[in-house]
Every structure is written in C-alpha cells, then in structure tokens.
Amino acid sequence: MRCAHLILLGTSCMLYCQSVIAEPLPFTAGEKFTFEHRSLDMGGSSDQSKLGKWLVVKDQFDVNAADLNHIRFTVKTFGGNLHQCNISGIAIRENGELRFDDNAVNDRCTFRINRSGRTVTLVDVHLNCQKYCGSRTMLSGKTFKKID
C-alpha cells in the first residue's frame, strides 16, 4: 500500500492511500528464446567426422512456468569445443527485477534475468555461476532472442 498526504486549501490534510499493483512479469509460460552461433569442435563431439569443424549450435532460454512474481526456467548454452552451461531453477521478482539464486553456502550463484522486448540477457551478479558451465563458456552476458 502506498500512501501520500494531500494538502487541501493549505489548511486541511487528508491521508490518501492506493494499492500498488505489481506489473506482470514480462514472461509467459512456454516462451522460448535462442541464440544461434558457431562452435569449433576439437573433440567435444562423439562424432569423429566433426572433429576440427565449425558446428552451428543454439543457446536456449526456456520459460517453463510463470506467474506474477516467479518464472521457472531452463538455460543451456554452448561455448568453445562444445562446452556447455546447463541450469534450471526459479527466478523471483525482487525490487522490480527477476533474480535467480541457488542459495549455495559457498560460491553462491546469483544472476539477473533482464528482458527488453524480444531479447533476454543474463547477468551473473558475483561471477559465481561458472560452476554450472564447462571451461569454455559462461552464463553472464548471454543474450537470447525470442522464437516465434
């Protein structure tokens, strides 16, 4: 509830209150976002015919469920030599932004999920989310475009 004092005719005051309704999250269940790029396979694939070749890979951000204050998501990204990041969880609205926190005692992974139009960007707050990734990839700064 947000309240403000209004002064009427310079002498009387009245308390004016109105409910503040949170804006809906900018996601709906079932939305998918992707980023297509190339990765050099230096032995990361089990298919030996692809060794030393550039392969087209797709990073993926999926919204599995959404309500007013949460989203359930899955992220998979690829880096060099087909190394991957894989993480899924629930992001919670905090101070107007979506935040995922794995609540680990040590090396806590926290990242923001920012959406601008058809684009989603991940921001690793403390750069501790690398534990969900292979050595040649990361989550922070990854950007995804909405799939129609």
Protein backbone atom coordinates (compact mmCIF):
# COMPACT_ATOMS: atom_id res chain seq x y z
CA MET A 1 0.00 0.00 0.00
CA ARG A 2 1.37 3.42 -0.92
CA CYS A 3 0.15 6.48 1.00
CA ALA A 4 0.69 10.16 0.50
CA HIS A 5 -0.54 13.26 2.31
CA LEU A 6 -2.51 15.67 0.21
CA ILE A 7 -2.93 19.25 1.36
CA LEU A 8 -6.32 20.75 0.61
CA LEU A 9 -6.73 24.56 0.66
CA GLY A 10 -3.46 24.88 2.55
CA THR A 11 -5.00 24.07 5.95
CA SER A 12 -6.54 20.61 5.94
CA CYS A 13 -4.65 17.38 5.38
CA MET A 14 -6.04 14.05 4.43
CA LEU A 15 -4.31 10.74 4.01
CA TYR A 16 -4.69 9.33 0.55
CA CYS A 17 -3.83 5.66 0.01
CA GLN A 18 -3.93 3.49 -3.04
CA SER A 19 -2.93 -0.07 -3.67
CA VAL A 20 0.11 -0.51 -5.82
CA ILE A 21 -0.46 -3.38 -8.20
CA ALA A 22 2.76 -5.01 -9.38
CA GLU A 23 3.23 -5.05 -13.11
CA PRO A 24 3.01 -8.56 -14.54
CA LEU A 25 6.32 -10.22 -15.28
CA PRO A 26 7.30 -9.82 -18.91
CA PHE A 27 7.26 -13.60 -19.47
CA THR A 28 4.62 -16.21 -20.18
CA ALA A 29 4.88 -19.97 -19.78
CA GLY A 30 6.08 -21.68 -22.93
CA GLU A 31 8.14 -18.78 -24.30
CA LYS A 32 11.42 -19.82 -25.88
CA PHE A 33 14.47 -17.70 -26.64
CA THR A 34 17.56 -18.75 -28.56
CA PHE A 35 20.91 -17.56 -29.85
CA GLU A 36 22.47 -19.39 -32.80
CA HIS A 37 26.23 -19.29 -33.26
CA ARG A 38 29.16 -21.49 -34.24
CA SER A 39 31.48 -23.55 -32.06
CA LEU A 40 34.71 -25.23 -33.13
CA ASP A 41 34.65 -28.94 -32.29
CA MET A 42 38.08 -30.02 -31.07
CA GLY A 43 36.91 -33.34 -29.67
CA GLY A 44 33.80 -32.37 -27.75
CA SER A 45 31.53 -34.34 -30.07
CA SER A 46 31.37 -38.12 -30.13
CA ASP A 47 31.13 -37.90 -33.94
CA GLN A 48 34.74 -38.02 -35.16
CA SER A 49 33.69 -36.74 -38.61
CA LYS A 50 33.00 -33.34 -36.98
CA LEU A 51 36.44 -33.07 -35.34
CA GLY A 52 38.10 -29.75 -36.20
CA LYS A 53 34.96 -28.36 -37.84
CA TRP A 54 32.76 -25.41 -37.01
CA LEU A 55 29.32 -26.54 -35.89
CA VAL A 56 26.16 -24.47 -35.62
CA VAL A 57 24.85 -24.57 -32.05
CA LYS A 58 21.88 -22.92 -30.33
CA ASP A 59 21.90 -21.45 -26.84
CA GLN A 60 18.44 -21.79 -25.32
CA PHE A 61 16.45 -19.97 -22.62
CA ASP A 62 13.03 -21.53 -21.96
CA VAL A 63 10.27 -20.26 -19.69
CA ASN A 64 8.61 -23.40 -18.31
CA ALA A 65 6.12 -21.66 -15.99
CA ALA A 66 5.33 -18.08 -14.99
CA ASP A 67 3.13 -16.23 -12.53
CA LEU A 68 3.04 -12.70 -11.13
CA ASN A 69 6.31 -12.96 -9.16
CA HIS A 70 8.21 -16.04 -10.43
CA ILE A 71 9.35 -17.86 -13.53
CA ARG A 72 10.61 -21.42 -13.80
CA PHE A 73 13.31 -21.51 -16.47
CA THR A 74 15.90 -23.70 -18.18
CA VAL A 75 19.12 -22.43 -19.76
CA LYS A 76 21.57 -24.28 -21.98
CA THR A 77 24.48 -22.52 -23.68
CA PHE A 78 27.44 -23.65 -25.76
CA GLY A 79 30.98 -22.32 -25.85
CA GLY A 80 34.25 -23.37 -27.45
CA ASN A 81 34.80 -27.08 -28.07
CA LEU A 82 31.09 -27.65 -27.36
CA HIS A 83 31.50 -26.96 -23.64
CA GLN A 84 28.11 -26.17 -22.09
CA CYS A 85 26.30 -24.36 -19.30
CA ASN A 86 23.17 -26.06 -18.01
CA ILE A 87 20.98 -24.64 -15.29
CA SER A 88 17.31 -24.62 -14.39
CA GLY A 89 15.51 -23.07 -11.48
CA ILE A 90 13.07 -20.47 -10.27
CA ALA A 91 13.72 -16.75 -10.60
CA ILE A 92 11.90 -14.47 -8.18
CA ARG A 93 10.91 -10.85 -8.65
CA GLU A 94 12.95 -8.66 -6.28
CA ASN A 95 12.95 -4.87 -6.45
CA GLY A 96 11.43 -4.89 -9.92
CA GLU A 97 13.82 -7.40 -11.48
CA LEU A 98 14.00 -11.16 -11.87
CA ARG A 99 16.72 -12.83 -9.83
CA PHE A 100 17.87 -16.44 -9.61
CA ASP A 101 19.83 -17.53 -6.53
CA ASP A 102 20.99 -21.11 -5.96
CA ASN A 103 21.33 -20.42 -2.20
CA ALA A 104 24.67 -22.24 -2.02
CA VAL A 105 26.62 -21.67 1.18
CA ASN A 106 29.89 -21.18 -0.72
CA ASP A 107 30.25 -19.69 -4.20
CA ARG A 108 26.61 -18.60 -4.34
CA CYS A 109 25.33 -18.25 -7.91
CA THR A 110 23.05 -15.25 -8.38
CA PHE A 111 22.06 -13.82 -11.74
CA ARG A 112 19.56 -11.32 -13.06
CA ILE A 113 17.29 -12.09 -15.99
CA ASN A 114 16.69 -8.92 -17.98
CA ARG A 115 14.13 -8.68 -20.76
CA SER A 116 13.90 -5.89 -23.26
CA GLY A 117 11.29 -6.54 -25.93
CA ARG A 118 12.20 -9.79 -27.66
CA THR A 119 15.62 -10.09 -26.02
CA VAL A 120 16.66 -11.75 -22.75
CA THR A 121 20.09 -11.16 -21.18
CA LEU A 122 21.62 -12.93 -18.18
CA VAL A 123 23.87 -11.03 -15.76
CA ASP A 124 25.94 -13.07 -13.28
CA VAL A 125 25.93 -10.76 -10.25
CA HIS A 126 29.01 -12.16 -8.44
CA LEU A 127 30.54 -14.17 -11.31
CA ASN A 128 29.99 -17.37 -9.31
CA CYS A 129 27.72 -19.16 -11.79
CA GLN A 130 30.63 -20.68 -13.69
CA LYS A 131 30.16 -23.87 -11.66
CA TYR A 132 27.21 -24.67 -13.95
CA CYS A 133 29.44 -24.35 -17.03
CA GLY A 134 32.24 -26.09 -18.84
CA SER A 135 35.59 -24.36 -19.05
CA ARG A 136 34.98 -22.54 -22.34
CA THR A 137 31.60 -20.97 -21.76
CA MET A 138 29.71 -18.80 -19.25
CA LEU A 139 26.24 -17.51 -18.41
CA SER A 140 26.98 -13.83 -17.80
CA GLY A 141 26.24 -11.62 -20.73
CA LYS A 142 24.47 -14.34 -22.70
CA THR A 143 21.71 -12.89 -24.85
CA PHE A 144 18.78 -14.73 -26.39
CA LYS A 145 16.15 -13.70 -28.97
CA LYS A 146 12.50 -14.77 -28.79
CA ILE A 147 11.39 -17.61 -31.04
CA ASP A 148 8.01 -17.03 -32.71
